[in-house]
Amino acid sequence: MSPSRTLLLPLIAALAAGSALAKDDAIKPMKRKQLVIVSFDGAHDNMLWEKSRAMAKRTGAHFTYFLSCTFLFSKDERAKYQAPHQKRGRSNVGFSQDRDETILRLGEIWLAKLEGHDIGSHACGHFDGGKWSADDWKAEFAFFRDSLKSAWRNAGVGEREPGGWQRFAAEDIKGFRAPYLSAGSGLVKALEAEGFAYDASLVTKGPAMPAATGDIARFGLPLIPEGASQRPVIAMDYNLYVRHSKGKEAPERSAAFEESTLKAYRDAFAKQYDGERIPLQLGFHFVEMNAGAYWRALDRFLTETCGRTDVACVSYAGALDILAKEKKAAGAAL
């Protein structure tokens, strides 16, 4: 073997190894961004509107607010509302205290919209619609839509209605979550007929990609392990509240509940971040249960999570856009 060939062999071997490495790098799929989707049901307490919006600004998150429309009416106006199969003027979550409170709430809704948050529907009176027909749901949706359209005029301040409010009320409410997560067979038919893009009323065994039912993307709050026993619980503040204190306030244990909740969020996030990167959904209410334990855990979790370059803390509407773009890109690459 010539000296020149002897010198070339290690070089050829090195180039071959480098080529193999480059090939491996080229075919290694890039991980998608880890999505974190946070939503609030009810969306009534004006102080919590302010608090949640401040949290979003501080952490870089965007939220979905599922609004119950009876909070657009004062108690004196309760007779305007009649839910399917209920007495006129009934609401399981009440009404606004007065018009001043309603006006403040309308301002918060509009500010949230301008700040890039997603406003969805939580129906109106928070009734269990599991046995409602499609027509029942359509009636509830129609009352929600009409209530939102006329909200400023109904509150006596029509001159203060923002310029884009009518378009917002008519076109931008694209998401829904059923009260009690009770979604019967009539719901999807009504959602499709009313032009909704997504429903967030399901519960899944763990984080899952949204399922398609016709033109509706159906998201589900996941069961996540929590506490010393690691028993699964729906990733929602109310379910943790029931788990921790049987649905009764225990402020003396608030710090312990906060830490347990935060650990559950962190662990659920890490499993997806290090794995398949399925979106992680977390649900909340406009009630600070157990002396604010769950809101504090959320604040800490978002503060340490949303700033990562490969994480996006988004609303359901934002997640739907991102997932659609990923699907389109994947199809174009085939």
Protein backbone atom coordinates (compact mmCIF):
# COMPACT_ATOMS: atom_id res chain seq x y z
CA MET A 1 0.00 0.00 0.00
CA SER A 2 1.40 3.38 -0.99
CA PRO A 3 2.09 6.05 1.66
CA SER A 4 -0.38 8.39 -0.02
CA ARG A 5 -3.14 5.77 0.16
CA THR A 6 -2.30 5.10 3.81
CA LEU A 7 -2.76 8.78 4.60
CA LEU A 8 -6.01 8.95 2.67
CA LEU A 9 -7.73 6.08 4.48
CA PRO A 10 -8.23 7.90 7.82
CA LEU A 11 -9.44 10.96 5.91
CA ILE A 12 -11.94 8.92 3.90
CA ALA A 13 -13.15 7.23 7.08
CA ALA A 14 -13.57 10.59 8.79
CA LEU A 15 -15.47 12.03 5.84
CA ALA A 16 -17.73 8.98 5.75
CA ALA A 17 -18.45 9.30 9.44
CA GLY A 18 -19.14 13.00 9.04
CA SER A 19 -21.45 12.30 6.12
CA ALA A 20 -23.38 9.74 8.18
CA LEU A 21 -23.70 12.17 11.06
CA ALA A 22 -24.90 14.91 8.74
CA LYS A 23 -27.44 12.53 7.26
CA ASP A 24 -28.68 11.56 10.72
CA ASP A 25 -28.99 15.22 11.67
CA ALA A 26 -30.86 15.96 8.48
CA ILE A 27 -33.53 13.32 9.05
CA LYS A 28 -33.94 14.00 12.77
CA PRO A 29 -37.38 15.65 13.08
CA MET A 30 -37.53 19.02 14.75
CA LYS A 31 -39.82 19.06 17.74
CA ARG A 32 -42.84 21.30 17.60
CA LYS A 33 -43.26 24.05 20.16
CA GLN A 34 -44.80 22.90 23.39
CA LEU A 35 -48.21 24.54 23.64
CA VAL A 36 -49.75 25.45 26.99
CA ILE A 37 -53.45 26.38 26.78
CA VAL A 38 -55.02 28.16 29.75
CA SER A 39 -58.71 29.01 30.01
CA PHE A 40 -61.09 30.58 32.52
CA ASP A 41 -64.76 29.63 32.87
CA GLY A 42 -67.44 32.15 33.85
CA ALA A 43 -65.33 35.29 33.33
CA HIS A 44 -67.40 37.50 35.63
CA ASP A 45 -65.46 38.99 38.59
CA ASN A 46 -64.01 42.28 37.33
CA MET A 47 -61.11 42.18 39.80
CA LEU A 48 -60.12 38.78 38.42
CA TRP A 49 -60.39 40.06 34.86
CA GLU A 50 -57.77 42.65 35.82
CA LYS A 51 -55.66 40.14 37.71
CA SER A 52 -55.64 37.58 34.90
CA ARG A 53 -54.85 40.16 32.25
CA ALA A 54 -51.94 41.43 34.36
CA MET A 55 -50.71 37.85 34.75
CA ALA A 56 -50.85 37.39 30.99
CA LYS A 57 -48.86 40.57 30.34
CA ARG A 58 -46.25 39.62 32.91
CA THR A 59 -45.75 36.06 31.65
CA GLY A 60 -46.34 36.52 27.91
CA ALA A 61 -49.38 34.22 27.89
CA HIS A 62 -52.67 34.51 26.05
CA PHE A 63 -55.84 33.06 27.55
CA THR A 64 -59.29 31.92 26.52
CA TYR A 65 -62.15 33.38 28.55
CA PHE A 66 -65.37 31.35 28.39
CA LEU A 67 -68.02 33.94 29.21
CA SER A 68 -71.38 33.18 30.85
CA CYS A 69 -73.75 35.70 29.30
CA THR A 70 -76.06 36.21 32.30
CA PHE A 71 -73.26 38.38 33.68
CA LEU A 72 -74.19 40.92 31.01
CA PHE A 73 -77.53 41.53 32.74
CA SER A 74 -78.28 43.02 36.12
CA LYS A 75 -80.44 41.15 38.63
CA ASP A 76 -83.33 43.47 37.77
CA GLU A 77 -83.19 42.23 34.17
CA ARG A 78 -83.23 38.51 34.92
CA ALA A 79 -86.66 38.05 33.32
CA LYS A 80 -85.09 38.62 29.89
CA TYR A 81 -83.43 35.21 30.08
CA GLN A 82 -85.05 31.82 29.82
CA ALA A 83 -82.86 28.76 29.49
CA PRO A 84 -84.21 25.63 27.80
CA HIS A 85 -86.49 23.67 30.14
CA GLN A 86 -86.02 26.20 32.97
CA LYS A 87 -88.21 28.83 34.55
CA ARG A 88 -87.77 32.34 33.19
CA GLY A 89 -85.18 34.37 35.06
CA ARG A 90 -83.27 31.39 36.47
CA SER A 91 -79.47 31.15 36.37
CA ASN A 92 -77.20 28.74 38.23
CA VAL A 93 -74.46 31.38 38.40
CA GLY A 94 -76.53 34.49 38.99
CA PHE A 95 -76.45 37.83 37.20
CA SER A 96 -74.51 41.08 37.36
CA GLN A 97 -75.12 43.06 40.55
CA ASP A 98 -76.03 46.22 38.65
CA ARG A 99 -75.38 48.08 35.42
CA ASP A 100 -72.19 49.71 36.68
CA GLU A 101 -70.69 46.27 37.22
CA THR A 102 -71.81 45.22 33.76
CA ILE A 103 -70.21 48.27 32.16
CA LEU A 104 -66.90 47.54 33.87
CA ARG A 105 -67.09 43.93 32.69
CA LEU A 106 -67.76 44.98 29.09
CA GLY A 107 -64.66 47.17 29.25
CA GLU A 108 -62.60 44.24 30.53
CA ILE A 109 -63.87 41.98 27.77
CA TRP A 110 -62.91 44.54 25.14
CA LEU A 111 -59.46 45.15 26.63
CA ALA A 112 -58.83 41.40 26.70
CA LYS A 113 -59.87 41.18 23.06
CA LEU A 114 -57.51 44.03 22.11
CA GLU A 115 -54.67 42.34 24.01
CA GLY A 116 -55.01 39.22 21.87
CA HIS A 117 -57.00 36.99 24.18
CA ASP A 118 -59.73 34.67 22.95
CA ILE A 119 -63.32 35.21 24.13
CA GLY A 120 -65.43 32.06 23.97
CA SER A 121 -68.92 31.08 25.04
CA HIS A 122 -69.80 29.25 28.26
CA ALA A 123 -73.48 29.54 27.35
CA CYS A 124 -75.54 31.72 29.69
CA GLY A 125 -77.09 30.38 32.88
CA HIS A 126 -74.67 27.48 33.47
CA PHE A 127 -77.21 24.69 33.20
CA ASP A 128 -76.44 21.04 32.52
CA GLY A 129 -77.24 20.67 28.83
CA GLY A 130 -76.29 17.02 28.56
CA LYS A 131 -79.81 16.11 27.49
CA TRP A 132 -80.54 19.23 25.46
CA SER A 133 -81.45 18.90 21.81
CA ALA A 134 -79.64 20.74 19.03
CA ASP A 135 -82.54 23.23 18.96
CA ASP A 136 -82.19 23.83 22.70
CA TRP A 137 -78.52 24.66 22.25
CA LYS A 138 -79.25 26.87 19.25
CA ALA A 139 -81.68 28.88 21.36
CA GLU A 140 -79.07 29.29 24.09
CA PHE A 141 -76.41 30.32 21.56
CA ALA A 142 -78.79 32.82 19.94
CA PHE A 143 -79.47 34.45 23.31
CA PHE A 144 -75.73 34.59 24.03
CA ARG A 145 -74.97 36.21 20.67
CA ASP A 146 -77.81 38.72 20.88
CA SER A 147 -76.89 39.58 24.47
CA LEU A 148 -73.31 40.33 23.47
CA LYS A 149 -74.37 42.42 20.47
CA SER A 150 -76.74 44.59 22.52
CA ALA A 151 -74.72 44.62 25.76
CA TRP A 152 -73.61 48.28 25.70
CA ARG A 153 -77.05 49.56 24.71
CA ASN A 154 -78.71 47.33 27.26
CA ALA A 155 -76.42 48.75 29.95
CA GLY A 156 -77.54 52.26 29.00
CA VAL A 157 -74.23 53.36 27.48
CA GLY A 158 -74.65 52.59 23.79
CA GLU A 159 -72.59 55.66 22.92
CA ARG A 160 -69.57 54.03 24.59
CA GLU A 161 -69.69 50.89 22.47
CA PRO A 162 -66.28 50.32 20.78
CA GLY A 163 -66.23 50.64 17.02
CA GLY A 164 -65.42 46.99 16.39
CA TRP A 165 -67.82 45.52 18.94
CA GLN A 166 -70.54 44.42 16.53
CA ARG A 167 -68.11 42.54 14.31
CA PHE A 168 -66.53 40.97 17.40
CA ALA A 169 -69.91 39.83 18.73
CA ALA A 170 -71.03 38.49 15.37
CA GLU A 171 -67.83 36.82 14.14
CA ASP A 172 -65.21 36.30 16.82
CA ILE A 173 -66.90 33.96 19.31
CA LYS A 174 -65.60 30.74 17.79
CA GLY A 175 -65.08 28.55 20.85
CA PHE A 176 -67.31 26.92 23.43
CA ARG A 177 -67.09 25.02 26.69
CA ALA A 178 -70.18 23.33 28.10
CA PRO A 179 -71.12 24.03 31.72
CA TYR A 180 -70.14 21.06 33.91
CA LEU A 181 -68.31 19.74 30.81
CA SER A 182 -71.65 18.14 29.97
CA ALA A 183 -71.79 17.78 26.22
CA GLY A 184 -74.66 15.66 24.90
CA SER A 185 -75.37 14.52 21.37
CA GLY A 186 -77.25 17.69 20.44
CA LEU A 187 -74.31 19.98 21.16
CA VAL A 188 -72.02 19.24 18.21
CA LYS A 189 -74.86 19.60 15.71
CA ALA A 190 -75.68 23.00 17.15
CA LEU A 191 -72.04 24.09 17.24
CA GLU A 192 -71.64 23.23 13.56
CA ALA A 193 -74.87 24.99 12.63
CA GLU A 194 -73.80 28.11 14.54
CA GLY A 195 -70.34 28.27 12.92
CA PHE A 196 -68.16 27.45 15.92
CA ALA A 197 -64.58 26.32 15.22
CA TYR A 198 -63.85 24.43 18.42
CA ASP A 199 -65.35 22.89 21.51
CA ALA A 200 -63.38 22.45 24.76
CA SER A 201 -65.87 20.34 26.70
CA LEU A 202 -64.18 16.93 26.67
CA VAL A 203 -62.06 15.16 29.28
CA THR A 204 -59.18 12.92 28.16
CA LYS A 205 -57.09 10.29 29.98
CA GLY A 206 -54.03 12.48 29.51
CA PRO A 207 -52.95 15.33 27.22
CA ALA A 208 -54.36 14.63 23.75
CA MET A 209 -54.49 16.30 20.39
CA PRO A 210 -57.91 17.73 19.51
CA ALA A 211 -60.24 15.31 17.78
CA ALA A 212 -62.20 16.35 14.71
CA THR A 213 -65.97 15.97 14.67
CA GLY A 214 -67.12 17.33 11.35
CA ASP A 215 -65.86 20.90 11.16
CA ILE A 216 -65.41 21.16 14.94
CA ALA A 217 -62.05 20.63 16.68
CA ARG A 218 -62.81 19.07 20.06
CA PHE A 219 -60.33 19.68 22.87
CA GLY A 220 -60.30 17.86 26.20
CA LEU A 221 -59.01 18.82 29.62
CA PRO A 222 -56.58 16.05 30.58
CA LEU A 223 -56.36 13.89 33.64
CA ILE A 224 -52.95 14.52 35.24
CA PRO A 225 -51.26 12.79 38.22
CA GLU A 226 -51.30 14.83 41.44
CA GLY A 227 -50.27 14.51 45.06
CA ALA A 228 -48.36 11.86 46.95
CA SER A 229 -50.55 9.08 45.54
CA GLN A 230 -50.28 10.45 41.97
CA ARG A 231 -53.98 9.78 41.44
CA PRO A 232 -55.24 11.36 38.22
CA VAL A 233 -57.38 14.49 38.49
CA ILE A 234 -58.88 16.72 35.80
CA ALA A 235 -56.46 19.60 35.22
CA MET A 236 -58.92 22.20 36.47
CA ASP A 237 -58.92 24.26 39.65
CA TYR A 238 -62.36 23.13 40.81
CA ASN A 239 -61.42 19.46 40.59
CA LEU A 240 -58.26 20.11 42.60
CA TYR A 241 -60.37 22.05 45.12
CA VAL A 242 -62.64 19.05 45.57
CA ARG A 243 -59.65 16.70 45.74
CA HIS A 244 -57.80 18.80 48.31
CA SER A 245 -60.56 20.00 50.64
CA LYS A 246 -63.77 18.34 49.48
CA GLY A 247 -65.00 21.60 47.98
CA LYS A 248 -64.77 23.58 51.23
CA GLU A 249 -62.39 26.43 51.92
CA ALA A 250 -59.30 25.47 53.94
CA PRO A 251 -57.15 28.64 53.89
CA GLU A 252 -54.76 27.28 56.51
CA ARG A 253 -53.62 24.65 53.97
CA SER A 254 -53.52 26.99 50.99
CA ALA A 255 -49.71 26.98 50.67
CA ALA A 256 -49.58 23.17 50.68
CA PHE A 257 -52.31 22.98 48.04
CA GLU A 258 -50.40 25.50 45.93
CA GLU A 259 -47.20 23.46 46.04
CA SER A 260 -48.96 20.20 45.20
CA THR A 261 -50.75 21.85 42.29
CA LEU A 262 -47.59 23.47 40.95
CA LYS A 263 -45.74 20.15 41.06
CA ALA A 264 -48.59 18.48 39.14
CA TYR A 265 -48.44 21.21 36.47
CA ARG A 266 -44.66 20.97 36.24
CA ASP A 267 -44.68 17.19 35.95
CA ALA A 268 -47.45 17.15 33.32
CA PHE A 269 -45.59 19.79 31.34
CA ALA A 270 -42.22 18.01 31.58
CA LYS A 271 -43.71 14.74 30.33
CA GLN A 272 -44.94 16.41 27.16
CA TYR A 273 -41.98 18.76 26.73
CA ASP A 274 -39.56 15.82 26.87
CA GLY A 275 -41.88 13.59 24.89
CA GLU A 276 -44.45 14.06 22.15
CA ARG A 277 -45.17 17.72 22.92
CA ILE A 278 -48.92 17.32 22.93
CA PRO A 279 -50.57 20.59 24.06
CA LEU A 280 -51.12 20.84 27.81
CA GLN A 281 -54.52 22.28 28.77
CA LEU A 282 -55.23 23.81 32.18
CA GLY A 283 -58.65 25.05 33.22
CA PHE A 284 -59.64 27.66 35.82
CA HIS A 285 -62.61 29.63 37.09
CA PHE A 286 -63.03 33.25 38.12
CA VAL A 287 -63.02 32.14 41.75
CA GLU A 288 -59.87 31.99 43.88
CA MET A 289 -60.53 28.69 45.63
CA ASN A 290 -58.67 27.71 48.79
CA ALA A 291 -57.48 31.27 49.31
CA GLY A 292 -56.02 31.57 45.82
CA ALA A 293 -53.87 28.42 45.86
CA TYR A 294 -54.59 27.45 42.26
CA TRP A 295 -54.21 30.92 40.77
CA ARG A 296 -50.87 31.34 42.57
CA ALA A 297 -49.70 27.97 41.24
CA LEU A 298 -50.74 29.03 37.75
CA ASP A 299 -48.91 32.35 38.03
CA ARG A 300 -45.70 30.64 39.13
CA PHE A 301 -46.01 27.96 36.45
CA LEU A 302 -46.54 30.45 33.62
CA THR A 303 -43.74 32.70 34.91
CA GLU A 304 -41.19 29.89 34.69
CA THR A 305 -42.56 28.30 31.52
CA CYS A 306 -43.88 30.78 28.96
CA GLY A 307 -40.56 32.56 28.36
CA ARG A 308 -38.88 29.50 26.87
CA THR A 309 -38.13 29.82 23.17
CA ASP A 310 -39.72 26.46 22.35
CA VAL A 311 -42.89 27.01 24.39
CA ALA A 312 -46.01 28.97 23.46
CA CYS A 313 -48.63 29.81 26.09
CA VAL A 314 -51.65 30.38 23.90
CA SER A 315 -55.42 30.54 23.83
CA TYR A 316 -57.51 27.80 22.25
CA ALA A 317 -57.92 29.97 19.16
CA GLY A 318 -54.15 30.49 19.02
CA ALA A 319 -53.50 26.77 19.44
CA LEU A 320 -55.95 25.96 16.67
CA ASP A 321 -54.09 28.29 14.28
CA ILE A 322 -50.69 26.83 15.20
CA LEU A 323 -51.88 23.22 14.83
CA ALA A 324 -53.47 24.02 11.46
CA LYS A 325 -50.21 25.53 10.20
CA GLU A 326 -48.26 22.49 11.42
CA LYS A 327 -50.66 20.17 9.61
CA LYS A 328 -50.39 22.21 6.41
CA ALA A 329 -46.60 22.26 6.62
CA ALA A 330 -46.47 18.51 7.21
CA GLY A 331 -48.72 17.93 4.20
CA ALA A 332 -46.56 20.15 2.01
CA ALA A 333 -43.45 18.24 3.07
CA LEU A 334 -44.86 14.87 1.98
